[in-house]
Amino acid sequence: MNFRTTTLLFGILLAVLWVFGLMLAWKKSSLDEGYILPRMVKDNPTINYVEIAKGGKRYIFTKTPAGWRLKVPPHEQEVRVDDRRSTT
Protein backbone atom coordinates (compact mmCIF):
# COMPACT_ATOMS: atom_id res chain seq x y z
CA MET A 1 0.00 0.00 0.00
CA ASN A 2 1.26 3.42 -0.80
CA PHE A 3 0.82 6.63 1.15
CA ARG A 4 -2.21 7.74 -0.87
CA THR A 5 -4.18 4.54 -0.11
CA THR A 6 -3.27 4.69 3.57
CA THR A 7 -4.43 8.30 3.79
CA LEU A 8 -7.68 7.50 2.00
CA LEU A 9 -8.48 4.55 4.29
CA PHE A 10 -7.60 6.57 7.39
CA GLY A 11 -9.91 9.39 6.18
CA ILE A 12 -12.75 6.92 5.61
CA LEU A 13 -12.23 5.51 9.13
CA LEU A 14 -12.40 9.00 10.66
CA ALA A 15 -15.53 9.83 8.65
CA VAL A 16 -17.27 6.63 9.79
CA LEU A 17 -16.37 7.34 13.43
CA TRP A 18 -17.62 10.92 13.09
CA VAL A 19 -20.96 9.76 11.63
CA PHE A 20 -21.28 7.17 14.39
CA GLY A 21 -20.69 9.87 17.02
CA LEU A 22 -23.33 12.10 15.45
CA MET A 23 -25.83 9.25 15.46
CA LEU A 24 -25.21 8.63 19.15
CA ALA A 25 -25.59 12.33 19.95
CA TRP A 26 -28.85 12.74 18.03
CA LYS A 27 -30.42 9.45 19.09
CA LYS A 28 -29.90 10.16 22.79
CA SER A 29 -33.06 9.21 24.65
CA SER A 30 -34.76 11.68 26.96
CA LEU A 31 -35.23 8.82 29.45
CA ASP A 32 -32.15 7.33 31.08
CA GLU A 33 -32.45 3.53 31.08
CA GLY A 34 -30.15 3.34 34.10
CA TYR A 35 -33.02 4.27 36.38
CA ILE A 36 -35.54 1.77 37.66
CA LEU A 37 -38.46 4.09 36.89
CA PRO A 38 -37.19 6.45 34.18
CA ARG A 39 -40.55 8.19 33.71
CA MET A 40 -40.55 9.29 37.34
CA VAL A 41 -37.15 10.91 36.85
CA LYS A 42 -38.46 12.75 33.78
CA ASP A 43 -41.44 14.16 35.68
CA ASN A 44 -39.21 15.02 38.69
CA PRO A 45 -41.74 14.22 41.44
CA THR A 46 -41.25 15.21 45.04
CA ILE A 47 -41.54 12.36 47.54
CA ASN A 48 -42.81 13.58 50.90
CA TYR A 49 -44.04 10.34 52.46
CA VAL A 50 -42.74 6.75 52.55
CA GLU A 51 -44.35 3.84 54.39
CA ILE A 52 -42.53 0.53 54.92
CA ALA A 53 -44.16 -2.62 56.32
CA LYS A 54 -41.66 -5.23 57.46
CA GLY A 55 -41.95 -8.04 59.98
CA GLY A 56 -45.42 -7.00 61.12
CA LYS A 57 -44.26 -3.45 61.91
CA ARG A 58 -44.92 -0.25 59.98
CA TYR A 59 -42.34 2.51 59.58
CA ILE A 60 -43.55 5.87 58.33
CA PHE A 61 -41.06 8.42 57.01
CA THR A 62 -42.26 11.97 56.35
CA LYS A 63 -40.30 14.85 54.88
CA THR A 64 -40.50 18.17 56.68
CA PRO A 65 -38.64 21.42 56.01
CA ALA A 66 -36.28 20.45 58.85
CA GLY A 67 -35.56 17.02 57.32
CA TRP A 68 -36.89 13.47 57.38
CA ARG A 69 -38.85 12.21 60.40
CA LEU A 70 -39.62 8.61 61.42
CA LYS A 71 -42.79 7.45 63.14
CA VAL A 72 -43.46 3.87 64.29
CA PRO A 73 -47.18 3.27 64.94
CA PRO A 74 -48.87 2.95 67.43
CA HIS A 75 -46.52 5.54 68.98
CA GLU A 76 -47.26 9.17 68.18
CA GLN A 77 -43.74 10.48 68.79
CA GLU A 78 -41.60 11.21 65.72
CA VAL A 79 -37.81 11.14 65.64
CA ARG A 80 -35.36 12.81 63.28
CA VAL A 81 -33.47 10.50 60.93
CA ASP A 82 -30.01 10.93 59.40
CA ASP A 83 -30.09 13.97 57.08
CA ARG A 84 -26.51 13.55 55.88
CA ARG A 85 -27.64 10.92 53.34
CA SER A 86 -30.24 13.22 51.82
CA THR A 87 -29.97 13.84 48.06
CA THR A 88 -31.54 17.31 48.22
PDB file of N, CA and C in Angstrom:
ATOM      1  N   MET A   1       0.844  -1.180   0.000  1.00  0.00           N
ATOM      2  CA  MET A   1       0.000   0.000   0.000  1.00  0.00           C
ATOM      3  C   MET A   1       0.887   1.241   0.000  1.00  0.00           C
ATOM      4  N   ASN A   2       0.497   2.185  -0.766  1.00  0.00           N
ATOM      5  CA  ASN A   2       1.262   3.415  -0.796  1.00  0.00           C
ATOM      6  C   ASN A   2       0.630   4.443   0.143  1.00  0.00           C
ATOM      7  N   PHE A   3       1.246   5.590   0.211  1.00  0.00           N
ATOM      8  CA  PHE A   3       0.825   6.631   1.146  1.00  0.00           C
ATOM      9  C   PHE A   3      -0.578   7.142   0.815  1.00  0.00           C
ATOM     10  N   ARG A   4      -0.916   7.232  -0.446  1.00  0.00           N
ATOM     11  CA  ARG A   4      -2.212   7.739  -0.868  1.00  0.00           C
ATOM     12  C   ARG A   4      -3.336   6.803  -0.404  1.00  0.00           C
ATOM     13  N   THR A   5      -3.173   5.512  -0.536  1.00  0.00           N
ATOM     14  CA  THR A   5      -4.183   4.539  -0.109  1.00  0.00           C
ATOM     15  C   THR A   5      -4.342   4.560   1.406  1.00  0.00           C
ATOM     16  N   THR A   6      -3.232   4.643   2.112  1.00  0.00           N
ATOM     17  CA  THR A   6      -3.272   4.689   3.568  1.00  0.00           C
ATOM     18  C   THR A   6      -4.025   5.934   4.044  1.00  0.00           C
ATOM     19  N   THR A   7      -3.754   7.057   3.423  1.00  0.00           N
ATOM     20  CA  THR A   7      -4.426   8.301   3.786  1.00  0.00           C
ATOM     21  C   THR A   7      -5.922   8.215   3.495  1.00  0.00           C
ATOM     22  N   LEU A   8      -6.286   7.646   2.364  1.00  0.00           N
ATOM     23  CA  LEU A   8      -7.681   7.496   1.999  1.00  0.00           C
ATOM     24  C   LEU A   8      -8.417   6.602   2.998  1.00  0.00           C
ATOM     25  N   LEU A   9      -7.838   5.464   3.339  1.00  0.00           N
ATOM     26  CA  LEU A   9      -8.478   4.554   4.288  1.00  0.00           C
ATOM     27  C   LEU A   9      -8.581   5.174   5.682  1.00  0.00           C
ATOM     28  N   PHE A  10      -7.568   5.905   6.092  1.00  0.00           N
ATOM     29  CA  PHE A  10      -7.603   6.572   7.387  1.00  0.00           C
ATOM     30  C   PHE A  10      -8.691   7.654   7.392  1.00  0.00           C
ATOM     31  N   GLY A  11      -8.848   8.376   6.295  1.00  0.00           N
ATOM     32  CA  GLY A  11      -9.908   9.386   6.181  1.00  0.00           C
ATOM     33  C   GLY A  11     -11.285   8.760   6.240  1.00  0.00           C
ATOM     34  N   ILE A  12     -11.453   7.621   5.568  1.00  0.00           N
ATOM     35  CA  ILE A  12     -12.745   6.918   5.607  1.00  0.00           C
ATOM     36  C   ILE A  12     -13.050   6.455   7.032  1.00  0.00           C
ATOM     37  N   LEU A  13     -12.044   5.941   7.741  1.00  0.00           N
ATOM     38  CA  LEU A  13     -12.230   5.513   9.130  1.00  0.00           C
ATOM     39  C   LEU A  13     -12.671   6.681  10.002  1.00  0.00           C
ATOM     40  N   LEU A  14     -12.023   7.829   9.866  1.00  0.00           N
ATOM     41  CA  LEU A  14     -12.398   9.004  10.663  1.00  0.00           C
ATOM     42  C   LEU A  14     -13.815   9.470  10.322  1.00  0.00           C
ATOM     43  N   ALA A  15     -14.179   9.420   9.048  1.00  0.00           N
ATOM     44  CA  ALA A  15     -15.529   9.828   8.646  1.00  0.00           C
ATOM     45  C   ALA A  15     -16.576   8.891   9.238  1.00  0.00           C
ATOM     46  N   VAL A  16     -16.327   7.594   9.222  1.00  0.00           N
ATOM     47  CA  VAL A  16     -17.274   6.629   9.791  1.00  0.00           C
ATOM     48  C   VAL A  16     -17.410   6.843  11.296  1.00  0.00           C
ATOM     49  N   LEU A  17     -16.309   7.075  11.986  1.00  0.00           N
ATOM     50  CA  LEU A  17     -16.367   7.336  13.426  1.00  0.00           C
ATOM     51  C   LEU A  17     -17.120   8.630  13.726  1.00  0.00           C
ATOM     52  N   TRP A  18     -16.929   9.651  12.894  1.00  0.00           N
ATOM     53  CA  TRP A  18     -17.624  10.921  13.088  1.00  0.00           C
ATOM     54  C   TRP A  18     -19.127  10.742  12.902  1.00  0.00           C
ATOM     55  N   VAL A  19     -19.533  10.018  11.864  1.00  0.00           N
ATOM     56  CA  VAL A  19     -20.960   9.762  11.629  1.00  0.00           C
ATOM     57  C   VAL A  19     -21.549   8.941  12.773  1.00  0.00           C
ATOM     58  N   PHE A  20     -20.811   7.974  13.264  1.00  0.00           N
ATOM     59  CA  PHE A  20     -21.279   7.169  14.395  1.00  0.00           C
ATOM     60  C   PHE A  20     -21.480   8.044  15.628  1.00  0.00           C
ATOM     61  N   GLY A  21     -20.554   8.953  15.886  1.00  0.00           N
ATOM     62  CA  GLY A  21     -20.688   9.874  17.018  1.00  0.00           C
ATOM     63  C   GLY A  21     -21.893  10.785  16.881  1.00  0.00           C
ATOM     64  N   LEU A  22     -22.138  11.274  15.675  1.00  0.00           N
ATOM     65  CA  LEU A  22     -23.331  12.104  15.451  1.00  0.00           C
ATOM     66  C   LEU A  22     -24.611  11.321  15.683  1.00  0.00           C
ATOM     67  N   MET A  23     -24.644  10.074  15.248  1.00  0.00           N
ATOM     68  CA  MET A  23     -25.827   9.247  15.456  1.00  0.00           C
ATOM     69  C   MET A  23     -26.088   9.032  16.944  1.00  0.00           C
ATOM     70  N   LEU A  24     -25.037   8.814  17.709  1.00  0.00           N
ATOM     71  CA  LEU A  24     -25.211   8.635  19.153  1.00  0.00           C
ATOM     72  C   LEU A  24     -25.702   9.919  19.810  1.00  0.00           C
ATOM     73  N   ALA A  25     -25.189  11.055  19.363  1.00  0.00           N
ATOM     74  CA  ALA A  25     -25.586  12.332  19.955  1.00  0.00           C
ATOM     75  C   ALA A  25     -27.038  12.663  19.637  1.00  0.00           C
ATOM     76  N   TRP A  26     -27.490  12.409  18.416  1.00  0.00           N
ATOM     77  CA  TRP A  26     -28.849  12.744  18.027  1.00  0.00           C
ATOM     78  C   TRP A  26     -29.863  11.730  18.522  1.00  0.00           C
ATOM     79  N   LYS A  27     -29.483  10.497  18.697  1.00  0.00           N
ATOM     80  CA  LYS A  27     -30.416   9.455  19.088  1.00  0.00           C
ATOM     81  C   LYS A  27     -30.517   9.338  20.613  1.00  0.00           C
ATOM     82  N   LYS A  28     -29.888  10.227  21.331  1.00  0.00           N
ATOM     83  CA  LYS A  28     -29.895  10.162  22.787  1.00  0.00           C
ATOM     84  C   LYS A  28     -31.335  10.238  23.294  1.00  0.00           C
ATOM     85  N   SER A  29     -31.707   9.296  24.114  1.00  0.00           N
ATOM     86  CA  SER A  29     -33.065   9.210  24.646  1.00  0.00           C
ATOM     87  C   SER A  29     -33.256  10.245  25.750  1.00  0.00           C
ATOM     88  N   SER A  30     -34.466  10.738  25.874  1.00  0.00           N
ATOM     89  CA  SER A  30     -34.756  11.677  26.955  1.00  0.00           C
ATOM     90  C   SER A  30     -34.900  10.942  28.286  1.00  0.00           C
ATOM     91  N   LEU A  31     -35.113   9.626  28.241  1.00  0.00           N
ATOM     92  CA  LEU A  31     -35.231   8.822  29.454  1.00  0.00           C
ATOM     93  C   LEU A  31     -33.968   7.993  29.633  1.00  0.00           C
ATOM     94  N   ASP A  32     -33.355   8.083  30.798  1.00  0.00           N
ATOM     95  CA  ASP A  32     -32.147   7.326  31.081  1.00  0.00           C
ATOM     96  C   ASP A  32     -32.540   5.915  31.505  1.00  0.00           C
ATOM     97  N   GLU A  33     -32.088   4.917  30.783  1.00  0.00           N
ATOM     98  CA  GLU A  33     -32.450   3.534  31.078  1.00  0.00           C
ATOM     99  C   GLU A  33     -31.732   2.992  32.315  1.00  0.00           C
ATOM    100  N   GLY A  34     -30.842   3.769  32.893  1.00  0.00           N
ATOM    101  CA  GLY A  34     -30.147   3.344  34.096  1.00  0.00           C
ATOM    102  C   GLY A  34     -31.011   3.437  35.339  1.00  0.00           C
ATOM    103  N   TYR A  35     -32.120   4.144  35.259  1.00  0.00           N
ATOM    104  CA  TYR A  35     -33.021   4.274  36.384  1.00  0.00           C
ATOM    105  C   TYR A  35     -34.046   3.148  36.379  1.00  0.00           C
ATOM    106  N   ILE A  36     -34.535   2.817  37.552  1.00  0.00           N
ATOM    107  CA  ILE A  36     -35.544   1.773  37.662  1.00  0.00           C
ATOM    108  C   ILE A  36     -36.869   2.265  37.080  1.00  0.00           C
ATOM    109  N   LEU A  37     -37.237   3.478  37.402  1.00  0.00           N
ATOM    110  CA  LEU A  37     -38.465   4.085  36.888  1.00  0.00           C
ATOM    111  C   LEU A  37     -38.099   5.369  36.142  1.00  0.00           C
ATOM    112  N   PRO A  38     -37.677   5.267  34.884  1.00  0.00           N
ATOM    113  CA  PRO A  38     -37.191   6.455  34.183  1.00  0.00           C
ATOM    114  C   PRO A  38     -38.245   7.526  33.978  1.00  0.00           C
ATOM    115  N   ARG A  39     -39.519   7.169  33.901  1.00  0.00           N
ATOM    116  CA  ARG A  39     -40.547   8.191  33.710  1.00  0.00           C
ATOM    117  C   ARG A  39     -40.710   9.056  34.945  1.00  0.00           C
ATOM    118  N   MET A  40     -40.474   8.489  36.126  1.00  0.00           N
ATOM    119  CA  MET A  40     -40.549   9.292  37.343  1.00  0.00           C
ATOM    120  C   MET A  40     -39.433  10.319  37.377  1.00  0.00           C
ATOM    121  N   VAL A  41     -38.259   9.973  36.871  1.00  0.00           N
ATOM    122  CA  VAL A  41     -37.146  10.912  36.848  1.00  0.00           C
ATOM    123  C   VAL A  41     -37.457  12.048  35.887  1.00  0.00           C
ATOM    124  N   LYS A  42     -38.105  11.735  34.777  1.00  0.00           N
ATOM    125  CA  LYS A  42     -38.458  12.751  33.783  1.00  0.00           C
ATOM    126  C   LYS A  42     -39.433  13.760  34.372  1.00  0.00           C
ATOM    127  N   ASP A  43     -40.434  13.278  35.101  1.00  0.00           N
ATOM    128  CA  ASP A  43     -41.437  14.162  35.682  1.00  0.00           C
ATOM    129  C   ASP A  43     -40.925  14.907  36.909  1.00  0.00           C
ATOM    130  N   ASN A  44     -39.832  14.418  37.514  1.00  0.00           N
ATOM    131  CA  ASN A  44     -39.209  15.016  38.694  1.00  0.00           C
ATOM    132  C   ASN A  44     -40.204  15.188  39.840  1.00  0.00           C
ATOM    133  N   PRO A  45     -40.780  14.096  40.338  1.00  0.00           N
ATOM    134  CA  PRO A  45     -41.736  14.215  41.438  1.00  0.00           C
ATOM    135  C   PRO A  45     -41.019  14.479  42.766  1.00  0.00           C
ATOM    136  N   THR A  46     -41.770  14.985  43.699  1.00  0.00           N
ATOM    137  CA  THR A  46     -41.250  15.205  45.041  1.00  0.00           C
ATOM    138  C   THR A  46     -41.877  14.161  45.952  1.00  0.00           C
ATOM    139  N   ILE A  47     -41.052  13.399  46.634  1.00  0.00           N
ATOM    140  CA  ILE A  47     -41.538  12.357  47.540  1.00  0.00           C
ATOM    141  C   ILE A  47     -41.523  12.935  48.951  1.00  0.00           C
ATOM    142  N   ASN A  48     -42.691  13.011  49.565  1.00  0.00           N
ATOM    143  CA  ASN A  48     -42.807  13.579  50.903  1.00  0.00           C
ATOM    144  C   ASN A  48     -43.193  12.556  51.957  1.00  0.00           C
ATOM    145  N   TYR A  49     -43.509  11.326  51.521  1.00  0.00           N
ATOM    146  CA  TYR A  49     -44.043  10.341  52.455  1.00  0.00           C
ATOM    147  C   TYR A  49     -43.663   8.948  51.972  1.00  0.00           C
ATOM    148  N   VAL A  50     -43.088   8.132  52.875  1.00  0.00           N
ATOM    149  CA  VAL A  50     -42.738   6.755  52.546  1.00  0.00           C
ATOM    150  C   VAL A  50     -43.202   5.875  53.699  1.00  0.00           C
ATOM    151  N   GLU A  51     -43.888   4.782  53.366  1.00  0.00           N
ATOM    152  CA  GLU A  51     -44.346   3.839  54.393  1.00  0.00           C
ATOM    153  C   GLU A  51     -43.783   2.460  54.078  1.00  0.00           C
ATOM    154  N   ILE A  52     -43.149   1.843  55.085  1.00  0.00           N
ATOM    155  CA  ILE A  52     -42.533   0.529  54.917  1.00  0.00           C
ATOM    156  C   ILE A  52     -43.163  -0.422  55.926  1.00  0.00           C
ATOM    157  N   ALA A  53     -43.614  -1.575  55.448  1.00  0.00           N
ATOM    158  CA  ALA A  53     -44.160  -2.618  56.320  1.00  0.00           C
ATOM    159  C   ALA A  53     -43.211  -3.801  56.268  1.00  0.00           C
ATOM    160  N   LYS A  54     -42.629  -4.137  57.419  1.00  0.00           N
ATOM    161  CA  LYS A  54     -41.663  -5.233  57.464  1.00  0.00           C
ATOM    162  C   LYS A  54     -41.772  -5.935  58.808  1.00  0.00           C
ATOM    163  N   GLY A  55     -41.905  -7.249  58.754  1.00  0.00           N
ATOM    164  CA  GLY A  55     -41.947  -8.043  59.983  1.00  0.00           C
ATOM    165  C   GLY A  55     -43.122  -7.703  60.882  1.00  0.00           C
ATOM    166  N   GLY A  56     -44.253  -7.330  60.312  1.00  0.00           N
ATOM    167  CA  GLY A  56     -45.422  -6.997  61.119  1.00  0.00           C
ATOM    168  C   GLY A  56     -45.396  -5.597  61.692  1.00  0.00           C
ATOM    169  N   LYS A  57     -44.358  -4.821  61.424  1.00  0.00           N
ATOM    170  CA  LYS A  57     -44.263  -3.447  61.911  1.00  0.00           C
ATOM    171  C   LYS A  57     -44.357  -2.489  60.728  1.00  0.00           C
ATOM    172  N   ARG A  58     -44.842  -1.289  61.002  1.00  0.00           N
ATOM    173  CA  ARG A  58     -44.920  -0.249  59.983  1.00  0.00           C
ATOM    174  C   ARG A  58     -43.968   0.886  60.364  1.00  0.00           C
ATOM    175  N   TYR A  59     -43.240   1.371  59.399  1.00  0.00           N
ATOM    176  CA  TYR A  59     -42.339   2.506  59.585  1.00  0.00           C
ATOM    177  C   TYR A  59     -42.800   3.596  58.623  1.00  0.00           C
ATOM    178  N   ILE A  60     -43.062   4.775  59.162  1.00  0.00           N
ATOM    179  CA  ILE A  60     -43.552   5.874  58.335  1.00  0.00           C
ATOM    180  C   ILE A  60     -42.516   6.995  58.359  1.00  0.00           C
ATOM    181  N   PHE A  61     -42.009   7.330  57.173  1.00  0.00           N
ATOM    182  CA  PHE A  61     -41.056   8.421  57.011  1.00  0.00           C
ATOM    183  C   PHE A  61     -41.788   9.592  56.355  1.00  0.00           C
ATOM    184  N   THR A  62     -41.680  10.764  56.932  1.00  0.00           N
ATOM    185  CA  THR A  62     -42.261  11.969  56.348  1.00  0.00           C
ATOM    186  C   THR A  62     -41.182  13.027  56.199  1.00  0.00           C
ATOM    187  N   LYS A  63     -41.280  13.800  55.128  1.00  0.00           N
ATOM    188  CA  LYS A  63     -40.295  14.852  54.885  1.00  0.00           C
ATOM    189  C   LYS A  63     -40.863  16.189  55.338  1.00  0.00           C
ATOM    190  N   THR A  64     -40.125  16.855  56.181  1.00  0.00           N
ATOM    191  CA  THR A  64     -40.502  18.173  56.676  1.00  0.00           C
ATOM    192  C   THR A  64     -39.433  19.165  56.232  1.00  0.00           C
ATOM    193  N   PRO A  65     -39.687  20.447  56.378  1.00  0.00           N
ATOM    194  CA  PRO A  65     -38.644  21.419  56.014  1.00  0.00           C
ATOM    195  C   PRO A  65     -37.354  21.243  56.819  1.00  0.00           C
ATOM    196  N   ALA A  66     -37.465  20.674  58.019  1.00  0.00           N
ATOM    197  CA  ALA A  66     -36.281  20.451  58.851  1.00  0.00           C
ATOM    198  C   ALA A  66     -35.564  19.153  58.509  1.00  0.00           C
ATOM    199  N   GLY A  67     -36.172  18.295  57.688  1.00  0.00           N
ATOM    200  CA  GLY A  67     -35.558  17.020  57.316  1.00  0.00           C
ATOM    201  C   GLY A  67     -36.550  15.874  57.447  1.00  0.00           C
ATOM    202  N   TRP A  68     -36.048  14.662  57.309  1.00  0.00           N
ATOM    203  CA  TRP A  68     -36.892  13.466  57.376  1.00  0.00           C
ATOM    204  C   TRP A  68     -37.181  13.101  58.821  1.00  0.00           C
ATOM    205  N   ARG A  69     -38.415  12.641  59.069  1.00  0.00           N
ATOM    206  CA  ARG A  69     -38.853  12.209  60.398  1.00  0.00           C
ATOM    207  C   ARG A  69     -39.374  10.777  60.298  1.00  0.00           C
ATOM    208  N   LEU A  70     -39.175  10.002  61.367  1.00  0.00           N
ATOM    209  CA  LEU A  70     -39.623   8.613  61.422  1.00  0.00           C
ATOM    210  C   LEU A  70     -40.664   8.462  62.517  1.00  0.00           C
ATOM    211  N   LYS A  71     -41.729   7.749  62.180  1.00  0.00           N
ATOM    212  CA  LYS A  71     -42.787   7.449  63.144  1.00  0.00           C
ATOM    213  C   LYS A  71     -43.086   5.962  63.059  1.00  0.00           C
ATOM    214  N   VAL A  72     -43.156   5.303  64.226  1.00  0.00           N
ATOM    215  CA  VAL A  72     -43.456   3.874  64.285  1.00  0.00           C
ATOM    216  C   VAL A  72     -44.787   3.725  65.021  1.00  0.00           C
ATOM    217  N   PRO A  73     -45.884   3.451  64.274  1.00  0.00           N
ATOM    218  CA  PRO A  73     -47.183   3.272  64.939  1.00  0.00           C
ATOM    219  C   PRO A  73     -47.137   2.074  65.880  1.00  0.00           C
ATOM    220  N   PRO A  74     -47.806   2.074  66.960  1.00  0.00           N
ATOM    221  CA  PRO A  74     -48.871   2.947  67.433  1.00  0.00           C
ATOM    222  C   PRO A  74     -48.367   4.171  68.193  1.00  0.00           C
ATOM    223  N   HIS A  75     -47.060   4.386  68.260  1.00  0.00           N
ATOM    224  CA  HIS A  75     -46.516   5.535  68.981  1.00  0.00           C
ATOM    225  C   HIS A  75     -46.735   6.806  68.169  1.00  0.00           C
ATOM    226  N   GLU A  76     -47.005   7.898  68.858  1.00  0.00           N
ATOM    227  CA  GLU A  76     -47.259   9.170  68.180  1.00  0.00           C
ATOM    228  C   GLU A  76     -45.999  10.014  68.045  1.00  0.00           C
ATOM    229  N   GLN A  77     -44.959   9.675  68.819  1.00  0.00           N
ATOM    230  CA  GLN A  77     -43.737  10.477  68.795  1.00  0.00           C
ATOM    231  C   GLN A  77     -42.951  10.227  67.508  1.00  0.00           C
ATOM    232  N   GLU A  78     -42.432  11.300  66.916  1.00  0.00           N
ATOM    233  CA  GLU A  78     -41.597  11.207  65.720  1.00  0.00           C
ATOM    234  C   GLU A  78     -40.159  11.513  66.106  1.00  0.00           C
ATOM    235  N   VAL A  79     -39.227  10.883  65.400  1.00  0.00           N
ATOM    236  CA  VAL A  79     -37.806  11.140  65.639  1.00  0.00           C
ATOM    237  C   VAL A  79     -37.155  11.561  64.329  1.00  0.00           C
ATOM    238  N   ARG A  80     -36.106  12.349  64.452  1.00  0.00           N
ATOM    239  CA  ARG A  80     -35.357  12.808  63.277  1.00  0.00           C
ATOM    240  C   ARG A  80     -34.440  11.686  62.797  1.00  0.00           C
ATOM    241  N   VAL A  81     -34.361  11.502  61.492  1.00  0.00           N
ATOM    242  CA  VAL A  81     -33.474  10.505  60.931  1.00  0.00           C
ATOM    243  C   VAL A  81     -32.269  11.187  60.294  1.00  0.00           C
ATOM    244  N   ASP A  82     -31.291  10.420  59.898  1.00  0.00           N
ATOM    245  CA  ASP A  82     -30.015  10.928  59.395  1.00  0.00           C
ATOM    246  C   ASP A  82     -30.210  11.774  58.135  1.00  0.00           C
ATOM    247  N   ASP A  83     -29.948  13.070  58.228  1.00  0.00           N
ATOM    248  CA  ASP A  83     -30.092  13.965  57.083  1.00  0.00           C
ATOM    249  C   ASP A  83     -28.857  14.016  56.212  1.00  0.00           C
ATOM    250  N   ARG A  84     -27.747  13.481  56.665  1.00  0.00           N
ATOM    251  CA  ARG A  84     -26.512  13.546  55.877  1.00  0.00           C
ATOM    252  C   ARG A  84     -26.590  12.708  54.609  1.00  0.00           C
ATOM    253  N   ARG A  85     -27.492  11.762  54.537  1.00  0.00           N
ATOM    254  CA  ARG A  85     -27.636  10.922  53.345  1.00  0.00           C
ATOM    255  C   ARG A  85     -28.695  11.470  52.392  1.00  0.00           C
ATOM    256  N   SER A  86     -29.198  12.625  52.659  1.00  0.00           N
ATOM    257  CA  SER A  86     -30.242  13.220  51.822  1.00  0.00           C
ATOM    258  C   SER A  86     -29.647  13.630  50.472  1.00  0.00           C
ATOM    259  N   THR A  87     -30.442  13.484  49.398  1.00  0.00           N
ATOM    260  CA  THR A  87     -29.972  13.843  48.056  1.00  0.00           C
ATOM    261  C   THR A  87     -30.366  15.264  47.692  1.00  0.00           C
ATOM    262  N   THR A  88     -31.124  15.950  48.554  1.00  0.00           N
ATOM    263  CA  THR A  88     -31.536  17.315  48.224  1.00  0.00           C
ATOM    264  C   THR A  88     -30.646  18.332  48.848  1.00  0.00           C
TER     265      THR A  88
END
